[in-house]
Amino acid sequence: MTLSLALAFFLAATLGADAAPAKSKTTPRAGQLAQTVTVSGECTRLVQAGQPVAGCKNILVNTNYSTGVSGYWFMTGNSIVSFAGDGARRLEQASGHVIQSIERVFLTDTAKPAQEEDATEETAIGFCRFSDMTERGSTIECVAHTRAGLYEGAFVTDGNPPKLDTFQLGR
């Protein structure tokens, strides 16, 4: 399956699952915008339910929805692990870095024929820490605890300009 098809189905699954924290109850609707920022570099760590995962790709996707939800996608050849939280819930914002709260982890198996319900959702407690993704050597690190175990992702950027895409959700 191509990455773009997996991305489309993953978006549909995550948007339908209301990844925003309980207090906001904002559900994405047709006509709302989403933005993706794709950065290149090196994925240095990926852990799923306490188990190290090999084959993490050297791209990271940050998705921002008009509902305020922000997600960080770590990918392998056959899966996507996304750490999602309300972009407004920043635990810390200091000069040079941001720490954002994470409330959900989404898992998608891209090796199977895609269907909207293929993404599984885990309630999580965690954070993503990041700085300027355009700078070489910038680190994006996500850690989240779920009932299934610990999820971690770490990525170091290579300084190449990120690719920005904005699109409107289907009707």
N, C-alpha and C. Protein backbone atom coordinates (compact mmCIF):
# COMPACT_ATOMS: atom_id res chain seq x y z
N MET A 1 0.85 -1.16 0.00
CA MET A 1 0.00 0.00 0.00
C MET A 1 0.90 1.23 0.00
N THR A 2 0.52 2.23 -0.76
CA THR A 2 1.33 3.43 -0.80
C THR A 2 1.14 4.23 0.47
N LEU A 3 2.15 5.01 0.80
CA LEU A 3 2.09 5.82 2.01
C LEU A 3 0.95 6.81 1.95
N SER A 4 0.69 7.40 0.77
CA SER A 4 -0.38 8.41 0.69
C SER A 4 -1.74 7.79 0.94
N LEU A 5 -2.00 6.56 0.48
CA LEU A 5 -3.28 5.91 0.75
C LEU A 5 -3.39 5.60 2.23
N ALA A 6 -2.30 5.10 2.83
CA ALA A 6 -2.31 4.83 4.26
C ALA A 6 -2.56 6.11 5.03
N LEU A 7 -1.94 7.20 4.60
CA LEU A 7 -2.12 8.49 5.24
C LEU A 7 -3.58 8.93 5.18
N ALA A 8 -4.22 8.76 4.04
CA ALA A 8 -5.62 9.16 3.88
C ALA A 8 -6.53 8.37 4.81
N PHE A 9 -6.34 7.05 4.87
CA PHE A 9 -7.19 6.24 5.74
C PHE A 9 -6.89 6.50 7.21
N PHE A 10 -5.62 6.74 7.54
CA PHE A 10 -5.27 7.05 8.92
C PHE A 10 -5.91 8.36 9.35
N LEU A 11 -5.89 9.36 8.46
CA LEU A 11 -6.55 10.63 8.76
C LEU A 11 -8.02 10.42 9.02
N ALA A 12 -8.67 9.64 8.19
CA ALA A 12 -10.10 9.38 8.36
C ALA A 12 -10.36 8.71 9.70
N ALA A 13 -9.53 7.75 10.07
CA ALA A 13 -9.72 7.04 11.33
C ALA A 13 -9.47 7.93 12.53
N THR A 14 -8.41 8.72 12.49
CA THR A 14 -8.10 9.57 13.64
C THR A 14 -9.10 10.69 13.78
N LEU A 15 -9.57 11.23 12.68
CA LEU A 15 -10.55 12.31 12.76
C LEU A 15 -11.88 11.80 13.26
N GLY A 16 -12.23 10.60 12.91
CA GLY A 16 -13.50 10.03 13.36
C GLY A 16 -13.46 9.61 14.81
N ALA A 17 -12.29 9.50 15.40
CA ALA A 17 -12.15 9.00 16.76
C ALA A 17 -12.09 10.10 17.80
N ASP A 18 -12.25 11.35 17.42
CA ASP A 18 -12.24 12.48 18.35
C ASP A 18 -11.04 12.43 19.28
N ALA A 19 -9.87 12.78 18.77
CA ALA A 19 -8.64 12.71 19.54
C ALA A 19 -8.47 13.88 20.49
N ALA A 20 -9.37 14.83 20.51
CA ALA A 20 -9.27 15.96 21.41
C ALA A 20 -9.58 15.52 22.83
N PRO A 21 -9.08 16.23 23.83
CA PRO A 21 -9.36 15.87 25.20
C PRO A 21 -10.85 15.98 25.50
N ALA A 22 -11.28 15.31 26.56
CA ALA A 22 -12.70 15.22 26.89
C ALA A 22 -13.38 16.56 27.05
N LYS A 23 -12.69 17.57 27.55
CA LYS A 23 -13.35 18.85 27.80
C LYS A 23 -13.77 19.58 26.53
N SER A 24 -13.10 19.33 25.42
CA SER A 24 -13.42 20.11 24.23
C SER A 24 -14.52 19.49 23.38
N LYS A 25 -14.59 18.16 23.28
CA LYS A 25 -15.62 17.45 22.52
C LYS A 25 -15.81 18.01 21.12
N THR A 26 -14.77 18.55 20.51
CA THR A 26 -14.84 19.07 19.15
C THR A 26 -14.66 17.92 18.18
N THR A 27 -15.64 17.72 17.31
CA THR A 27 -15.56 16.66 16.32
C THR A 27 -15.29 17.28 14.96
N PRO A 28 -14.25 16.82 14.26
CA PRO A 28 -13.97 17.37 12.94
C PRO A 28 -15.15 17.14 12.01
N ARG A 29 -15.45 18.13 11.19
CA ARG A 29 -16.54 18.05 10.22
C ARG A 29 -16.00 18.32 8.84
N ALA A 30 -16.77 17.90 7.84
CA ALA A 30 -16.41 18.21 6.46
C ALA A 30 -16.24 19.71 6.32
N GLY A 31 -15.28 20.11 5.55
CA GLY A 31 -15.03 21.53 5.34
C GLY A 31 -13.95 22.10 6.25
N GLN A 32 -13.59 21.38 7.33
CA GLN A 32 -12.54 21.86 8.21
C GLN A 32 -11.18 21.57 7.59
N LEU A 33 -10.19 22.33 8.01
CA LEU A 33 -8.84 22.19 7.45
C LEU A 33 -7.95 21.31 8.31
N ALA A 34 -7.00 20.69 7.66
CA ALA A 34 -5.94 19.97 8.34
C ALA A 34 -4.64 20.35 7.63
N GLN A 35 -3.56 20.36 8.38
CA GLN A 35 -2.26 20.71 7.83
C GLN A 35 -1.26 19.63 8.24
N THR A 36 -0.41 19.23 7.30
CA THR A 36 0.66 18.30 7.63
C THR A 36 2.00 18.96 7.38
N VAL A 37 2.93 18.69 8.27
CA VAL A 37 4.30 19.15 8.14
C VAL A 37 5.16 17.88 8.15
N THR A 38 5.86 17.62 7.05
CA THR A 38 6.70 16.42 6.95
C THR A 38 8.16 16.85 7.01
N VAL A 39 8.89 16.27 7.97
CA VAL A 39 10.31 16.58 8.11
C VAL A 39 11.13 15.32 7.88
N SER A 40 12.35 15.52 7.40
CA SER A 40 13.25 14.39 7.17
C SER A 40 14.36 14.41 8.21
N GLY A 41 14.98 13.27 8.39
CA GLY A 41 16.04 13.14 9.38
C GLY A 41 16.24 11.68 9.73
N GLU A 42 16.43 11.41 11.02
CA GLU A 42 16.66 10.04 11.47
C GLU A 42 15.74 9.70 12.63
N CYS A 43 14.98 8.63 12.47
CA CYS A 43 14.19 8.09 13.58
C CYS A 43 15.16 7.29 14.44
N THR A 44 15.35 7.72 15.67
CA THR A 44 16.35 7.08 16.53
C THR A 44 15.75 6.07 17.51
N ARG A 45 14.40 6.13 17.70
CA ARG A 45 13.78 5.19 18.63
C ARG A 45 12.29 5.09 18.35
N LEU A 46 11.77 3.87 18.38
CA LEU A 46 10.34 3.64 18.31
C LEU A 46 10.01 2.44 19.18
N VAL A 47 9.11 2.64 20.13
CA VAL A 47 8.70 1.59 21.07
C VAL A 47 7.18 1.52 21.04
N GLN A 48 6.65 0.29 20.87
CA GLN A 48 5.21 0.07 20.85
C GLN A 48 4.85 -0.89 21.97
N ALA A 49 4.00 -0.46 22.90
CA ALA A 49 3.56 -1.30 24.01
C ALA A 49 4.75 -1.95 24.72
N GLY A 50 5.79 -1.16 24.94
CA GLY A 50 6.97 -1.62 25.67
C GLY A 50 7.99 -2.39 24.85
N GLN A 51 7.71 -2.64 23.57
CA GLN A 51 8.60 -3.42 22.72
C GLN A 51 9.29 -2.54 21.69
N PRO A 52 10.63 -2.58 21.59
CA PRO A 52 11.32 -1.82 20.54
C PRO A 52 10.86 -2.28 19.16
N VAL A 53 10.72 -1.33 18.24
CA VAL A 53 10.28 -1.62 16.88
C VAL A 53 11.40 -1.24 15.92
N ALA A 54 11.75 -2.15 15.03
CA ALA A 54 12.79 -1.89 14.03
C ALA A 54 12.16 -1.30 12.77
N GLY A 55 12.98 -0.64 11.98
CA GLY A 55 12.53 -0.18 10.66
C GLY A 55 11.80 1.14 10.65
N CYS A 56 11.99 1.96 11.67
CA CYS A 56 11.34 3.28 11.70
C CYS A 56 11.86 4.12 10.54
N LYS A 57 10.95 4.71 9.78
CA LYS A 57 11.33 5.50 8.59
C LYS A 57 11.96 6.83 8.99
N ASN A 58 12.73 7.38 8.07
CA ASN A 58 13.43 8.63 8.32
C ASN A 58 12.64 9.86 7.89
N ILE A 59 11.32 9.78 8.10
CA ILE A 59 10.45 10.96 7.98
C ILE A 59 9.52 10.96 9.18
N LEU A 60 9.12 12.15 9.59
CA LEU A 60 8.16 12.33 10.67
C LEU A 60 7.10 13.28 10.15
N VAL A 61 5.83 12.96 10.43
CA VAL A 61 4.73 13.82 10.00
C VAL A 61 4.06 14.40 11.23
N ASN A 62 3.93 15.73 11.25
CA ASN A 62 3.17 16.44 12.28
C ASN A 62 1.88 16.91 11.61
N THR A 63 0.73 16.47 12.15
CA THR A 63 -0.56 16.84 11.58
C THR A 63 -1.28 17.74 12.57
N ASN A 64 -1.80 18.85 12.05
CA ASN A 64 -2.54 19.82 12.87
C ASN A 64 -3.92 20.00 12.26
N TYR A 65 -4.96 19.74 13.06
CA TYR A 65 -6.34 19.85 12.60
C TYR A 65 -6.93 21.16 13.07
N SER A 66 -7.94 21.65 12.36
CA SER A 66 -8.58 22.92 12.74
C SER A 66 -9.33 22.79 14.07
N THR A 67 -9.49 21.57 14.58
CA THR A 67 -10.11 21.36 15.89
C THR A 67 -9.13 21.66 17.02
N GLY A 68 -7.84 21.83 16.68
CA GLY A 68 -6.82 22.07 17.70
C GLY A 68 -5.98 20.84 18.00
N VAL A 69 -6.39 19.67 17.52
CA VAL A 69 -5.64 18.44 17.75
C VAL A 69 -4.38 18.45 16.90
N SER A 70 -3.28 18.01 17.51
CA SER A 70 -2.01 17.90 16.82
C SER A 70 -1.49 16.48 17.02
N GLY A 71 -0.93 15.88 15.97
CA GLY A 71 -0.41 14.52 16.07
C GLY A 71 0.98 14.42 15.49
N TYR A 72 1.77 13.50 16.03
CA TYR A 72 3.14 13.24 15.57
C TYR A 72 3.20 11.79 15.14
N TRP A 73 3.47 11.55 13.87
CA TRP A 73 3.41 10.21 13.28
C TRP A 73 4.80 9.64 13.06
N PHE A 74 5.05 8.49 13.67
CA PHE A 74 6.27 7.72 13.47
C PHE A 74 5.87 6.50 12.64
N MET A 75 6.59 6.22 11.55
CA MET A 75 6.17 5.18 10.61
C MET A 75 7.25 4.13 10.38
N THR A 76 6.78 2.90 10.15
CA THR A 76 7.64 1.81 9.69
C THR A 76 7.09 1.38 8.33
N GLY A 77 7.63 0.33 7.76
CA GLY A 77 7.14 -0.16 6.48
C GLY A 77 5.71 -0.67 6.53
N ASN A 78 5.23 -1.06 7.73
CA ASN A 78 3.88 -1.61 7.82
C ASN A 78 3.03 -1.06 8.96
N SER A 79 3.46 0.04 9.58
CA SER A 79 2.64 0.60 10.66
C SER A 79 2.89 2.10 10.84
N ILE A 80 1.91 2.73 11.47
CA ILE A 80 2.02 4.13 11.87
C ILE A 80 1.66 4.21 13.34
N VAL A 81 2.49 4.86 14.14
CA VAL A 81 2.19 5.16 15.53
C VAL A 81 2.05 6.67 15.62
N SER A 82 0.89 7.13 16.07
CA SER A 82 0.64 8.57 16.17
C SER A 82 0.37 8.95 17.62
N PHE A 83 1.07 9.96 18.08
CA PHE A 83 0.87 10.53 19.41
C PHE A 83 0.02 11.79 19.20
N ALA A 84 -1.17 11.87 19.81
CA ALA A 84 -2.08 12.98 19.55
C ALA A 84 -2.51 13.67 20.83
N GLY A 85 -2.67 14.99 20.73
CA GLY A 85 -3.14 15.78 21.86
C GLY A 85 -3.61 17.13 21.41
N ASP A 86 -4.26 17.83 22.30
CA ASP A 86 -4.76 19.18 22.03
C ASP A 86 -3.56 20.12 21.96
N GLY A 87 -3.36 20.74 20.79
CA GLY A 87 -2.22 21.63 20.58
C GLY A 87 -2.18 22.81 21.53
N ALA A 88 -3.34 23.16 22.11
CA ALA A 88 -3.40 24.28 23.05
C ALA A 88 -2.94 23.86 24.45
N ARG A 89 -2.87 22.56 24.71
CA ARG A 89 -2.47 22.08 26.04
C ARG A 89 -0.96 21.88 26.09
N ARG A 90 -0.27 22.97 26.15
CA ARG A 90 1.19 22.92 26.23
C ARG A 90 1.59 22.93 27.70
N LEU A 91 2.35 21.95 28.08
CA LEU A 91 2.79 21.83 29.46
C LEU A 91 3.89 22.83 29.76
N GLU A 92 4.67 23.14 28.72
CA GLU A 92 5.76 24.10 28.86
C GLU A 92 6.05 24.69 27.49
N GLN A 93 6.30 25.98 27.48
CA GLN A 93 6.73 26.63 26.25
C GLN A 93 7.78 27.65 26.63
N ALA A 94 9.03 27.24 26.47
CA ALA A 94 10.15 28.10 26.82
C ALA A 94 10.88 28.48 25.53
N SER A 95 11.83 29.37 25.66
CA SER A 95 12.58 29.73 24.46
C SER A 95 13.31 28.49 23.96
N GLY A 96 13.05 28.16 22.72
CA GLY A 96 13.74 27.05 22.11
C GLY A 96 13.03 25.71 22.11
N HIS A 97 12.03 25.50 22.98
CA HIS A 97 11.34 24.21 22.95
C HIS A 97 9.91 24.31 23.50
N VAL A 98 9.13 23.29 23.14
CA VAL A 98 7.73 23.18 23.58
C VAL A 98 7.51 21.76 24.08
N ILE A 99 6.73 21.63 25.15
CA ILE A 99 6.29 20.31 25.62
C ILE A 99 4.77 20.31 25.56
N GLN A 100 4.23 19.41 24.73
CA GLN A 100 2.79 19.33 24.51
C GLN A 100 2.22 18.07 25.15
N SER A 101 1.07 18.19 25.78
CA SER A 101 0.37 17.06 26.38
C SER A 101 -0.12 16.09 25.30
N ILE A 102 -0.04 14.80 25.58
CA ILE A 102 -0.55 13.75 24.69
C ILE A 102 -1.65 13.00 25.43
N GLU A 103 -2.82 12.87 24.77
CA GLU A 103 -3.97 12.19 25.38
C GLU A 103 -4.33 10.89 24.69
N ARG A 104 -3.82 10.65 23.48
CA ARG A 104 -4.18 9.46 22.71
C ARG A 104 -2.96 8.95 21.92
N VAL A 105 -2.94 7.64 21.72
CA VAL A 105 -2.00 7.00 20.81
C VAL A 105 -2.84 6.22 19.80
N PHE A 106 -2.57 6.42 18.52
CA PHE A 106 -3.26 5.70 17.45
C PHE A 106 -2.27 4.77 16.77
N LEU A 107 -2.72 3.56 16.47
CA LEU A 107 -1.89 2.57 15.77
C LEU A 107 -2.61 2.16 14.50
N THR A 108 -1.89 2.16 13.39
CA THR A 108 -2.46 1.74 12.12
C THR A 108 -1.54 0.72 11.47
N ASP A 109 -2.13 -0.40 11.04
CA ASP A 109 -1.40 -1.43 10.31
C ASP A 109 -1.56 -1.13 8.82
N THR A 110 -0.49 -0.68 8.18
CA THR A 110 -0.57 -0.31 6.76
C THR A 110 -0.31 -1.50 5.84
N ALA A 111 -0.03 -2.67 6.39
CA ALA A 111 0.23 -3.85 5.57
C ALA A 111 -1.06 -4.51 5.08
N LYS A 112 -2.18 -4.25 5.78
CA LYS A 112 -3.47 -4.83 5.40
C LYS A 112 -4.22 -3.86 4.49
N PRO A 113 -5.20 -4.37 3.72
CA PRO A 113 -6.05 -3.46 2.95
C PRO A 113 -6.68 -2.44 3.90
N ALA A 114 -6.63 -1.17 3.52
CA ALA A 114 -7.05 -0.09 4.42
C ALA A 114 -8.57 0.00 4.54
N GLN A 115 -9.00 0.22 5.77
CA GLN A 115 -10.39 0.52 6.10
C GLN A 115 -10.35 1.54 7.22
N GLU A 116 -11.38 2.36 7.32
CA GLU A 116 -11.38 3.42 8.33
C GLU A 116 -11.17 2.88 9.73
N GLU A 117 -11.77 1.74 10.06
CA GLU A 117 -11.70 1.23 11.42
C GLU A 117 -10.39 0.52 11.73
N ASP A 118 -9.44 0.52 10.80
CA ASP A 118 -8.17 -0.16 11.03
C ASP A 118 -7.31 0.50 12.10
N ALA A 119 -7.46 1.78 12.32
CA ALA A 119 -6.66 2.46 13.34
C ALA A 119 -7.24 2.14 14.71
N THR A 120 -6.38 1.70 15.63
CA THR A 120 -6.83 1.48 16.99
C THR A 120 -6.39 2.67 17.83
N GLU A 121 -7.18 2.98 18.82
CA GLU A 121 -6.95 4.15 19.67
C GLU A 121 -6.74 3.70 21.10
N GLU A 122 -5.73 4.25 21.73
CA GLU A 122 -5.46 4.00 23.15
C GLU A 122 -5.48 5.34 23.88
N THR A 123 -6.22 5.42 24.98
CA THR A 123 -6.14 6.60 25.84
C THR A 123 -4.74 6.61 26.44
N ALA A 124 -4.14 7.79 26.50
CA ALA A 124 -2.74 7.87 26.94
C ALA A 124 -2.52 9.06 27.86
N ILE A 125 -1.46 8.97 28.61
CA ILE A 125 -0.94 10.08 29.39
C ILE A 125 0.51 10.23 28.97
N GLY A 126 0.84 11.40 28.43
CA GLY A 126 2.20 11.57 27.97
C GLY A 126 2.47 12.96 27.44
N PHE A 127 3.56 13.08 26.68
CA PHE A 127 3.96 14.38 26.14
C PHE A 127 4.81 14.18 24.90
N CYS A 128 4.87 15.23 24.10
CA CYS A 128 5.85 15.34 23.02
C CYS A 128 6.65 16.60 23.27
N ARG A 129 7.95 16.49 23.14
CA ARG A 129 8.86 17.63 23.33
C ARG A 129 9.52 17.90 21.99
N PHE A 130 9.52 19.16 21.58
CA PHE A 130 10.11 19.49 20.29
C PHE A 130 10.61 20.92 20.29
N SER A 131 11.48 21.21 19.33
CA SER A 131 11.96 22.57 19.11
C SER A 131 11.79 22.88 17.63
N ASP A 132 12.51 23.83 17.11
CA ASP A 132 12.36 24.26 15.72
C ASP A 132 12.72 23.12 14.77
N MET A 133 11.70 22.56 14.11
CA MET A 133 11.90 21.40 13.23
C MET A 133 12.70 21.73 11.98
N THR A 134 12.93 23.00 11.70
CA THR A 134 13.70 23.38 10.51
C THR A 134 15.21 23.36 10.77
N GLU A 135 15.60 23.29 12.03
CA GLU A 135 17.02 23.30 12.38
C GLU A 135 17.60 21.89 12.36
N ARG A 136 18.79 21.77 11.80
CA ARG A 136 19.49 20.48 11.78
C ARG A 136 19.77 20.05 13.22
N GLY A 137 19.49 18.78 13.53
CA GLY A 137 19.76 18.26 14.87
C GLY A 137 18.66 18.51 15.88
N SER A 138 17.55 19.12 15.45
CA SER A 138 16.42 19.33 16.34
C SER A 138 15.79 17.98 16.67
N THR A 139 15.42 17.76 17.93
CA THR A 139 14.86 16.49 18.36
C THR A 139 13.37 16.62 18.64
N ILE A 140 12.61 15.65 18.14
CA ILE A 140 11.19 15.51 18.46
C ILE A 140 11.10 14.21 19.24
N GLU A 141 10.61 14.28 20.47
CA GLU A 141 10.54 13.10 21.32
C GLU A 141 9.14 13.00 21.91
N CYS A 142 8.52 11.83 21.77
CA CYS A 142 7.19 11.59 22.33
C CYS A 142 7.25 10.37 23.25
N VAL A 143 6.57 10.48 24.40
CA VAL A 143 6.48 9.40 25.37
C VAL A 143 5.05 9.36 25.87
N ALA A 144 4.43 8.18 25.87
CA ALA A 144 3.05 8.05 26.35
C ALA A 144 2.85 6.70 27.01
N HIS A 145 2.10 6.71 28.10
CA HIS A 145 1.74 5.48 28.80
C HIS A 145 0.28 5.17 28.52
N THR A 146 0.00 3.91 28.13
CA THR A 146 -1.36 3.44 27.88
C THR A 146 -1.56 2.15 28.66
N ARG A 147 -2.78 1.61 28.63
CA ARG A 147 -3.02 0.31 29.27
C ARG A 147 -2.18 -0.79 28.64
N ALA A 148 -1.88 -0.64 27.35
CA ALA A 148 -1.09 -1.65 26.64
C ALA A 148 0.40 -1.55 26.97
N GLY A 149 0.83 -0.43 27.54
CA GLY A 149 2.24 -0.25 27.87
C GLY A 149 2.79 1.08 27.40
N LEU A 150 4.11 1.16 27.39
CA LEU A 150 4.82 2.39 27.05
C LEU A 150 5.00 2.53 25.54
N TYR A 151 4.74 3.74 25.03
CA TYR A 151 4.98 4.08 23.63
C TYR A 151 5.99 5.22 23.61
N GLU A 152 6.99 5.10 22.75
CA GLU A 152 8.01 6.14 22.62
C GLU A 152 8.39 6.32 21.16
N GLY A 153 8.73 7.53 20.82
CA GLY A 153 9.27 7.82 19.51
C GLY A 153 10.27 8.95 19.64
N ALA A 154 11.39 8.85 18.95
CA ALA A 154 12.39 9.92 18.95
C ALA A 154 12.89 10.10 17.53
N PHE A 155 13.08 11.36 17.14
CA PHE A 155 13.44 11.70 15.77
C PHE A 155 14.36 12.90 15.80
N VAL A 156 15.42 12.88 14.98
CA VAL A 156 16.35 14.00 14.87
C VAL A 156 16.30 14.52 13.44
N THR A 157 16.03 15.82 13.28
CA THR A 157 15.89 16.41 11.94
C THR A 157 17.24 16.60 11.27
N ASP A 158 17.21 16.63 9.92
CA ASP A 158 18.44 16.82 9.16
C ASP A 158 18.63 18.25 8.66
N GLY A 159 17.70 19.14 8.97
CA GLY A 159 17.83 20.54 8.58
C GLY A 159 17.26 20.88 7.22
N ASN A 160 16.82 19.88 6.45
CA ASN A 160 16.17 20.16 5.17
C ASN A 160 14.82 20.83 5.42
N PRO A 161 14.39 21.70 4.51
CA PRO A 161 13.10 22.39 4.72
C PRO A 161 11.95 21.39 4.81
N PRO A 162 11.04 21.59 5.76
CA PRO A 162 9.88 20.69 5.87
C PRO A 162 8.94 20.88 4.68
N LYS A 163 8.17 19.85 4.39
CA LYS A 163 7.15 19.92 3.35
C LYS A 163 5.82 20.21 4.04
N LEU A 164 5.15 21.28 3.59
CA LEU A 164 3.88 21.71 4.17
C LEU A 164 2.73 21.42 3.22
N ASP A 165 1.66 20.80 3.73
CA ASP A 165 0.45 20.56 2.94
C ASP A 165 -0.75 20.95 3.78
N THR A 166 -1.71 21.64 3.17
CA THR A 166 -2.97 21.97 3.82
C THR A 166 -4.09 21.45 2.94
N PHE A 167 -5.09 20.83 3.55
CA PHE A 167 -6.20 20.30 2.77
C PHE A 167 -7.49 20.41 3.56
N GLN A 168 -8.59 20.34 2.84
CA GLN A 168 -9.92 20.42 3.44
C GLN A 168 -10.47 19.00 3.56
N LEU A 169 -11.08 18.71 4.71
CA LEU A 169 -11.65 17.39 4.91
C LEU A 169 -12.84 17.19 3.99
N GLY A 170 -13.01 15.96 3.51
CA GLY A 170 -14.09 15.64 2.57
C GLY A 170 -15.46 15.82 3.18
N ARG A 171 -16.43 15.91 2.33
CA ARG A 171 -17.83 16.10 2.77
C ARG A 171 -18.51 14.79 2.99
